[in-house]
Amino acid sequence: MKEIRILFIPNEALEKYEILENNRCLYPHLYFDPNWKIKRGIFLYKWKNNYVRKKWKFRYFSFKIKSKLINLFYYIVKGIRIVKKFDLNVIRAYNPHIEWLAANIIGKLTKTKVVISVHNDFEYERNNIKKWKIFNLLTRLLENINYRLADKIIVVSSYLKDNLINRGIDSKKIEVIFNSFNISDYKVNYSYIEELKMKYNIKDDTFIFINIWRLVEQKNHFNLIRAFAKLINKFPERDIRLFIIWDWYFKEKLQAMINSYKLGNRIRLLWLIRNDLIINYLKVSKVFIFPSLYEGFWKVLVEAQIAWLPIISSDLPSVKDIIDSKNSILIKDPNNVEEIFQKMEYIINNYDIIYKFNRNYNLNKFDYNVLAEKEYNLYMDLLDR
């Protein structure tokens, strides 16, 4: 049996996920089950993130050239050493743009196959999020170089595949593999749910909207809060609340907006809730709402479906792989506060019907066994060339 020996180039986000997941990364899919790896002859090699730490600037992108170049040099030198020492045959990189470039350079110098992943819509980001022009030109150039150098590109949605094809990338090089989930890991803790109800004084008639993800511009929290404020004005007597589970920036600005609307008793910013507890917060909520401006793959929408919650989501091309318009309430323009408010109002007025008929979710396509097999076959095909 052929061994697949992968150099897994790390990044800070994955290190954080490993902590949250008790050493089980969300990516790659092969991380889920160590016995599966051993049985199939799959070995992953990685190192800790002890390179120069990035300084965050310009919203949520790091752009400090000196540290970037040092990181690139660090990746290349250490990566070549590890590839040669363990005779590795695949290099796997997730983060643009330096990690992709490092992987491709290491691959060319050691004649090793390179697989990179695309998890976001960078074109939308450049066209709609204000940045320096030189930054946009540089990142687009780096992306085009990396896409053409890589042996295989894994994307997490059909929409992202279409984007790359439109940029002139050979469709045979691109493979769609969704982010995977072990649904059996999402275990409801009913005693913990009772604790939550006591802690937040949740009654039977309490109506909670819940939103999960990073506090970054992309996730559109400011417009969500503006819409929620209009909702409270519409239903001042009802116990309607908004839970936002977050793990990144903008807390101060967001809290200031909450205070300006005098919604401190209705909106809760819940910081870095453990992954194994997320399902319980979903279960005490009524609706999952996610008015994001753009996404590659909507992980939290799958988690909301695992909890069998009705969903309000932005109607973006990438969402079509995850939810059906028949099963969800879609926001055509997430920049339109009035539309977000109207969708929230509609679900409150029609909740019983929506809860009964709008939750025909298909979760099998996100099962990690299916997707791990797909990724495994990708490596085998790559090494057979």
Protein backbone atom coordinates (compact mmCIF):
# COMPACT_ATOMS: atom_id res chain seq x y z
CA MET A 1 0.00 0.00 0.00
CA LYS A 2 1.35 3.40 -0.98
CA GLU A 3 2.04 5.77 1.92
CA ILE A 4 0.88 9.36 1.74
CA ARG A 5 3.33 11.48 3.73
CA ILE A 6 2.08 15.06 3.95
CA LEU A 7 3.88 18.18 5.08
CA PHE A 8 1.11 20.21 6.65
CA ILE A 9 2.11 23.89 6.65
CA PRO A 10 0.59 25.51 9.74
CA ASN A 11 -1.12 28.80 10.35
CA GLU A 12 -2.35 30.61 13.43
CA ALA A 13 -6.03 29.89 12.74
CA LEU A 14 -5.44 26.15 12.60
CA GLU A 15 -3.38 26.22 15.79
CA LYS A 16 -6.35 27.87 17.51
CA TYR A 17 -8.78 25.31 16.07
CA GLU A 18 -6.60 22.50 17.38
CA ILE A 19 -6.90 23.91 20.89
CA LEU A 20 -10.66 24.20 20.55
CA GLU A 21 -11.05 20.76 19.00
CA ASN A 22 -8.83 18.93 21.52
CA ASN A 23 -6.11 18.36 18.94
CA ARG A 24 -8.49 17.52 16.12
CA CYS A 25 -8.22 20.12 13.41
CA LEU A 26 -11.19 21.02 11.28
CA TYR A 27 -8.85 20.69 8.31
CA PRO A 28 -7.84 18.51 6.65
CA HIS A 29 -10.63 15.96 6.77
CA LEU A 30 -8.04 13.25 7.36
CA TYR A 31 -7.35 14.71 10.81
CA PHE A 32 -10.65 13.52 12.21
CA ASP A 33 -9.83 9.87 12.79
CA PRO A 34 -6.23 8.82 13.59
CA ASN A 35 -7.11 5.13 13.07
CA TRP A 36 -8.40 5.96 9.60
CA LYS A 37 -5.06 7.63 8.81
CA ILE A 38 -2.97 4.71 10.05
CA LYS A 39 -5.12 2.15 8.26
CA ARG A 40 -4.75 4.01 4.96
CA GLY A 41 -1.05 4.77 5.42
CA ILE A 42 -1.45 8.52 5.87
CA PHE A 43 1.02 10.49 7.95
CA LEU A 44 0.99 14.23 8.59
CA TYR A 45 4.05 16.22 9.58
CA LYS A 46 3.74 19.73 10.97
CA TRP A 47 5.58 22.13 13.19
CA LYS A 48 4.56 24.66 15.80
CA ASN A 49 4.02 28.28 14.88
CA ASN A 50 7.18 29.77 16.34
CA TYR A 51 7.95 32.04 13.41
CA VAL A 52 7.76 35.83 13.58
CA ARG A 53 4.31 36.81 14.84
CA LYS A 54 2.25 38.97 12.53
CA LYS A 55 1.09 42.44 13.42
CA TRP A 56 -2.54 42.97 12.50
CA LYS A 57 -3.32 46.01 10.40
CA PHE A 58 -5.95 47.15 7.91
CA ARG A 59 -9.01 45.45 9.41
CA TYR A 60 -8.42 41.70 9.52
CA PHE A 61 -5.56 41.34 7.02
CA SER A 62 -1.93 41.30 8.09
CA PHE A 63 0.29 43.35 5.83
CA LYS A 64 3.70 43.82 7.41
CA ILE A 65 6.17 43.14 4.63
CA LYS A 66 9.20 42.49 6.82
CA SER A 67 7.54 39.81 8.94
CA LYS A 68 5.91 38.29 5.85
CA LEU A 69 9.26 37.86 4.12
CA ILE A 70 10.85 36.42 7.25
CA ASN A 71 7.96 33.98 7.57
CA LEU A 72 8.39 32.96 3.91
CA PHE A 73 12.11 32.33 4.40
CA TYR A 74 11.38 30.39 7.60
CA TYR A 75 8.78 28.20 5.89
CA ILE A 76 11.03 27.40 2.94
CA VAL A 77 14.16 26.54 4.94
CA LYS A 78 12.36 24.42 7.52
CA GLY A 79 10.00 22.88 4.98
CA ILE A 80 12.82 21.68 2.71
CA ARG A 81 14.58 20.16 5.71
CA ILE A 82 11.45 18.24 6.82
CA VAL A 83 10.56 17.06 3.30
CA LYS A 84 14.07 15.61 2.80
CA LYS A 85 14.37 14.14 6.30
CA PHE A 86 11.10 12.20 6.16
CA ASP A 87 10.95 11.68 2.38
CA LEU A 88 7.53 13.36 2.16
CA ASN A 89 5.52 13.20 -1.05
CA VAL A 90 2.78 15.84 -0.59
CA ILE A 91 2.85 19.41 0.70
CA ARG A 92 -0.48 20.82 1.92
CA ALA A 93 -1.01 24.56 2.51
CA TYR A 94 -4.17 26.38 3.54
CA ASN A 95 -3.50 30.06 4.02
CA PRO A 96 -2.88 32.62 1.29
CA HIS A 97 -0.62 34.06 0.26
CA ILE A 98 2.76 33.43 1.88
CA GLU A 99 2.02 29.86 2.95
CA TRP A 100 0.85 28.95 -0.55
CA LEU A 101 3.98 30.49 -2.04
CA ALA A 102 6.24 28.71 0.46
CA ALA A 103 4.56 25.38 -0.33
CA ASN A 104 5.01 25.88 -4.06
CA ILE A 105 8.65 26.89 -3.73
CA ILE A 106 9.39 23.92 -1.46
CA GLY A 107 7.55 21.67 -3.90
CA LYS A 108 9.56 22.86 -6.90
CA LEU A 109 12.90 22.63 -5.06
CA THR A 110 12.20 19.13 -3.72
CA LYS A 111 10.07 17.83 -6.63
CA THR A 112 7.15 17.23 -4.27
CA LYS A 113 3.45 17.45 -5.13
CA VAL A 114 1.69 20.56 -3.78
CA VAL A 115 -1.98 20.91 -2.79
CA ILE A 116 -3.37 24.29 -1.72
CA SER A 117 -6.82 25.19 -0.42
CA VAL A 118 -9.10 28.11 -1.22
CA HIS A 119 -11.62 28.95 1.50
CA ASN A 120 -12.74 32.46 0.62
CA ASP A 121 -13.86 34.74 -2.19
CA PHE A 122 -10.81 36.96 -2.60
CA GLU A 123 -12.17 38.73 -5.68
CA TYR A 124 -15.23 39.94 -3.80
CA GLU A 125 -13.01 41.03 -0.96
CA ARG A 126 -10.84 43.14 -3.25
CA ASN A 127 -13.80 44.67 -5.07
CA ASN A 128 -15.88 45.51 -2.02
CA ILE A 129 -13.59 45.95 0.99
CA LYS A 130 -11.50 49.13 0.81
CA LYS A 131 -7.74 48.44 0.83
CA TRP A 132 -4.64 49.94 -0.63
CA LYS A 133 -4.49 49.50 -4.40
CA ILE A 134 -0.95 48.09 -4.17
CA PHE A 135 -2.24 45.47 -1.70
CA ASN A 136 -4.96 44.34 -4.13
CA LEU A 137 -2.52 44.14 -7.04
CA LEU A 138 0.03 42.21 -5.01
CA THR A 139 -2.44 39.68 -3.59
CA ARG A 140 -4.02 39.02 -6.98
CA LEU A 141 -0.58 38.50 -8.53
CA LEU A 142 0.42 36.08 -5.76
CA GLU A 143 -2.84 34.16 -6.14
CA ASN A 144 -2.39 33.75 -9.89
CA ILE A 145 1.20 32.56 -9.41
CA ASN A 146 0.22 30.07 -6.71
CA TYR A 147 -2.79 28.71 -8.59
CA ARG A 148 -0.63 27.94 -11.60
CA LEU A 149 2.27 26.46 -9.63
CA ALA A 150 0.17 24.14 -7.44
CA ASP A 151 -0.47 20.58 -8.61
CA LYS A 152 -3.97 20.56 -7.16
CA ILE A 153 -6.34 23.16 -5.71
CA ILE A 154 -9.03 22.18 -3.21
CA VAL A 155 -11.95 24.61 -2.98
CA VAL A 156 -14.76 24.40 -0.44
CA SER A 157 -17.67 25.33 -2.73
CA SER A 158 -18.75 25.05 -6.35
CA TYR A 159 -18.93 28.83 -6.46
CA LEU A 160 -15.21 29.14 -5.67
CA LYS A 161 -14.41 26.61 -8.39
CA ASP A 162 -16.32 28.72 -10.92
CA ASN A 163 -14.38 31.77 -9.74
CA LEU A 164 -11.05 30.10 -10.42
CA ILE A 165 -12.17 28.81 -13.82
CA ASN A 166 -13.18 32.38 -14.72
CA ARG A 167 -9.65 33.43 -13.80
CA GLY A 168 -8.22 30.99 -16.33
CA ILE A 169 -7.34 28.08 -14.04
CA ASP A 170 -7.71 24.61 -15.56
CA SER A 171 -10.87 22.99 -14.16
CA LYS A 172 -9.08 19.60 -14.01
CA LYS A 173 -6.74 21.04 -11.40
CA ILE A 174 -9.61 22.10 -9.10
CA GLU A 175 -11.43 19.75 -6.72
CA VAL A 176 -14.51 20.70 -4.67
CA ILE A 177 -14.32 19.21 -1.16
CA PHE A 178 -16.63 20.71 1.42
CA ASN A 179 -15.52 21.30 4.98
CA SER A 180 -16.43 18.13 6.82
CA PHE A 181 -18.29 17.38 10.03
CA ASN A 182 -18.60 14.41 12.33
CA ILE A 183 -22.24 14.94 13.22
CA SER A 184 -22.12 12.38 16.02
CA ASP A 185 -19.65 14.65 17.84
CA TYR A 186 -22.36 17.28 18.31
CA LYS A 187 -23.85 15.95 21.52
CA VAL A 188 -26.52 17.93 23.34
CA ASN A 189 -25.90 18.33 27.06
CA TYR A 190 -29.36 18.85 28.56
CA SER A 191 -28.07 19.71 32.03
CA TYR A 192 -25.87 22.41 30.47
CA ILE A 193 -28.90 23.71 28.55
CA GLU A 194 -30.73 24.10 31.86
CA GLU A 195 -27.72 26.02 33.20
CA LEU A 196 -27.89 28.35 30.21
CA LYS A 197 -31.59 28.93 30.75
CA MET A 198 -30.93 29.83 34.37
CA LYS A 199 -27.90 31.99 33.59
CA TYR A 200 -29.62 34.06 30.89
CA ASN A 201 -33.16 33.85 32.31
CA ILE A 202 -34.50 32.12 29.20
CA LYS A 203 -38.25 31.45 29.40
CA ASP A 204 -40.50 29.40 27.14
CA ASP A 205 -41.58 32.54 25.28
CA THR A 206 -38.03 33.95 24.91
CA PHE A 207 -37.18 34.29 21.22
CA ILE A 208 -33.42 34.12 20.59
CA PHE A 209 -31.68 34.83 17.31
CA ILE A 210 -28.15 33.42 17.32
CA ASN A 211 -25.15 34.31 15.18
CA ILE A 212 -21.76 32.62 15.31
CA TRP A 213 -18.43 33.62 13.75
CA ARG A 214 -15.63 36.15 13.88
CA LEU A 215 -16.37 39.81 14.53
CA VAL A 216 -15.05 41.04 11.21
CA GLU A 217 -16.56 43.35 8.61
CA GLN A 218 -17.29 40.44 6.31
CA LYS A 219 -19.82 38.96 8.77
CA ASN A 220 -21.97 42.13 8.71
CA HIS A 221 -22.66 42.35 12.46
CA PHE A 222 -23.24 46.11 12.39
CA ASN A 223 -26.19 45.83 9.99
CA LEU A 224 -27.49 42.86 11.98
CA ILE A 225 -27.58 44.98 15.14
CA ARG A 226 -29.25 47.88 13.29
CA ALA A 227 -31.93 45.48 12.02
CA PHE A 228 -32.33 43.97 15.48
CA ALA A 229 -32.86 47.45 16.96
CA LYS A 230 -35.71 48.02 14.48
CA LEU A 231 -37.15 44.64 15.48
CA ILE A 232 -37.19 45.61 19.16
CA ASN A 233 -38.95 48.87 18.28
CA LYS A 234 -41.56 46.79 16.45
CA PHE A 235 -42.01 44.30 19.31
CA PRO A 236 -41.02 46.23 22.47
CA GLU A 237 -43.04 44.00 24.81
CA ARG A 238 -41.71 40.67 23.57
CA ASP A 239 -38.66 38.95 25.04
CA ILE A 240 -36.55 38.93 21.87
CA ARG A 241 -32.78 38.60 22.13
CA LEU A 242 -29.66 38.20 20.02
CA PHE A 243 -26.69 36.00 20.96
CA ILE A 244 -23.45 36.63 19.06
CA ILE A 245 -20.71 34.07 19.66
CA TRP A 246 -17.44 35.57 18.52
CA ASP A 247 -13.67 35.09 18.59
CA TRP A 248 -12.03 38.06 16.90
CA TYR A 249 -12.08 41.83 16.35
CA PHE A 250 -14.48 44.77 16.52
CA LYS A 251 -15.76 44.02 20.01
CA GLU A 252 -15.36 47.61 21.25
CA LYS A 253 -17.10 49.12 18.20
CA LEU A 254 -19.85 46.54 18.33
CA GLN A 255 -20.39 47.02 22.06
CA ALA A 256 -20.53 50.78 21.55
CA MET A 257 -23.28 50.34 18.95
CA ILE A 258 -25.20 48.01 21.27
CA ASN A 259 -24.96 50.60 24.04
CA SER A 260 -26.05 53.42 21.73
CA TYR A 261 -29.26 51.50 20.96
CA LYS A 262 -29.65 50.66 24.68
CA LEU A 263 -29.79 46.96 23.85
CA GLY A 264 -27.31 45.72 26.45
CA ASN A 265 -30.01 43.62 28.11
CA ARG A 266 -31.06 42.02 24.80
CA ILE A 267 -27.79 41.41 22.93
CA ARG A 268 -25.09 39.14 24.36
CA LEU A 269 -21.56 39.03 22.99
CA LEU A 270 -20.31 35.59 24.02
CA TRP A 271 -16.59 35.17 23.57
CA LEU A 272 -14.93 31.96 22.32
CA ILE A 273 -17.42 29.36 23.44
CA ARG A 274 -15.90 25.87 23.35
CA ASN A 275 -16.81 23.95 20.20
CA ASP A 276 -18.36 21.06 22.10
CA LEU A 277 -20.73 23.52 23.81
CA ILE A 278 -21.87 25.40 20.69
CA ILE A 279 -24.67 22.91 20.00
CA ASN A 280 -26.24 23.76 23.39
CA TYR A 281 -26.35 27.49 22.59
CA LEU A 282 -27.98 26.65 19.27
CA LYS A 283 -30.54 24.46 21.03
CA VAL A 284 -31.69 27.25 23.38
CA SER A 285 -32.12 29.56 20.38
CA LYS A 286 -35.03 29.82 17.96
CA VAL A 287 -33.36 31.01 14.74
CA PHE A 288 -29.86 31.06 13.30
CA ILE A 289 -29.15 34.31 11.43
CA PHE A 290 -26.12 34.91 9.24
CA PRO A 291 -26.25 38.02 7.00
CA SER A 292 -22.63 37.70 5.80
CA LEU A 293 -21.39 39.81 2.89
CA TYR A 294 -19.34 37.02 1.29
CA GLU A 295 -18.13 33.51 2.14
CA GLY A 296 -16.27 30.55 0.71
CA PHE A 297 -17.91 27.88 2.84
CA TRP A 298 -20.49 28.58 5.55
CA LYS A 299 -19.45 26.18 8.30
CA VAL A 300 -21.85 27.67 10.83
CA LEU A 301 -24.82 27.05 8.53
CA VAL A 302 -24.08 23.34 8.70
CA GLU A 303 -23.90 23.52 12.49
CA ALA A 304 -27.26 25.31 12.56
CA GLN A 305 -28.72 22.48 10.48
CA ILE A 306 -27.24 19.89 12.84
CA ALA A 307 -29.20 21.68 15.60
CA TRP A 308 -32.31 21.69 13.32
CA LEU A 309 -32.73 25.45 13.60
CA PRO A 310 -34.61 27.56 11.05
CA ILE A 311 -32.10 29.72 9.16
CA ILE A 312 -31.98 33.29 7.87
CA SER A 313 -28.98 33.66 5.56
CA SER A 314 -27.57 35.92 2.89
CA ASP A 315 -28.47 34.73 -0.60
CA LEU A 316 -24.96 34.40 -2.01
CA PRO A 317 -23.74 31.94 -4.66
CA SER A 318 -21.63 29.99 -2.16
CA VAL A 319 -24.64 29.25 0.05
CA LYS A 320 -26.27 27.06 -2.57
CA ASP A 321 -24.01 24.11 -1.78
CA ILE A 322 -25.16 24.19 1.84
CA ILE A 323 -28.83 25.14 2.08
CA ASP A 324 -31.83 25.11 -0.21
CA SER A 325 -33.94 28.23 -0.72
CA LYS A 326 -36.99 26.06 0.10
CA ASN A 327 -35.57 25.34 3.57
CA SER A 328 -34.32 28.80 4.52
CA ILE A 329 -35.18 32.48 4.47
CA LEU A 330 -32.70 34.26 2.22
CA ILE A 331 -31.58 37.90 2.31
CA LYS A 332 -31.05 39.19 -1.22
CA ASP A 333 -29.05 42.26 -0.16
CA PRO A 334 -27.22 41.88 3.18
CA ASN A 335 -26.26 45.55 3.06
CA ASN A 336 -29.97 46.45 3.27
CA VAL A 337 -30.87 46.83 6.96
CA GLU A 338 -34.57 47.06 6.16
CA GLU A 339 -34.53 43.70 4.38
CA ILE A 340 -32.72 41.99 7.28
CA PHE A 341 -35.32 43.47 9.64
CA GLN A 342 -38.18 42.26 7.42
CA LYS A 343 -36.83 38.70 7.35
CA MET A 344 -36.50 38.69 11.15
CA GLU A 345 -40.02 40.07 11.52
CA TYR A 346 -41.39 37.49 9.09
CA ILE A 347 -39.89 34.54 10.95
CA ILE A 348 -41.25 35.80 14.28
CA ASN A 349 -44.75 36.11 12.84
CA ASN A 350 -44.63 32.72 11.09
CA TYR A 351 -42.32 30.74 13.34
CA ASP A 352 -44.54 27.72 13.99
CA ILE A 353 -45.11 27.06 10.30
CA ILE A 354 -41.46 27.61 9.39
CA TYR A 355 -40.25 25.38 12.23
CA LYS A 356 -42.53 22.59 11.09
CA PHE A 357 -41.99 22.67 7.32
CA ASN A 358 -38.70 24.46 6.54
CA ARG A 359 -36.13 22.12 8.04
CA ASN A 360 -35.68 19.32 5.49
CA TYR A 361 -31.90 19.37 5.73
CA ASN A 362 -29.51 16.96 3.96
CA LEU A 363 -26.34 16.63 6.03
CA ASN A 364 -24.87 13.48 4.46
CA LYS A 365 -22.80 15.40 1.95
CA PHE A 366 -20.83 16.99 4.81
CA ASP A 367 -19.99 13.70 6.55
CA TYR A 368 -16.29 13.49 7.25
CA ASN A 369 -16.02 9.82 6.19
CA VAL A 370 -17.26 10.68 2.70
CA LEU A 371 -15.06 13.76 2.36
CA ALA A 372 -11.95 12.14 3.88
CA GLU A 373 -12.28 9.38 1.29
CA LYS A 374 -12.52 12.00 -1.43
CA GLU A 375 -9.39 13.77 -0.20
CA TYR A 376 -7.56 10.47 0.13
CA ASN A 377 -8.38 9.57 -3.49
CA LEU A 378 -7.16 13.00 -4.58
CA TYR A 379 -3.72 12.31 -3.06
CA MET A 380 -3.57 8.81 -4.53
CA ASP A 381 -4.39 10.08 -8.02
CA LEU A 382 -1.84 12.86 -7.63
CA LEU A 383 0.95 10.47 -6.62
CA ASP A 384 0.13 8.05 -9.45
CA ARG A 385 0.91 10.66 -12.08
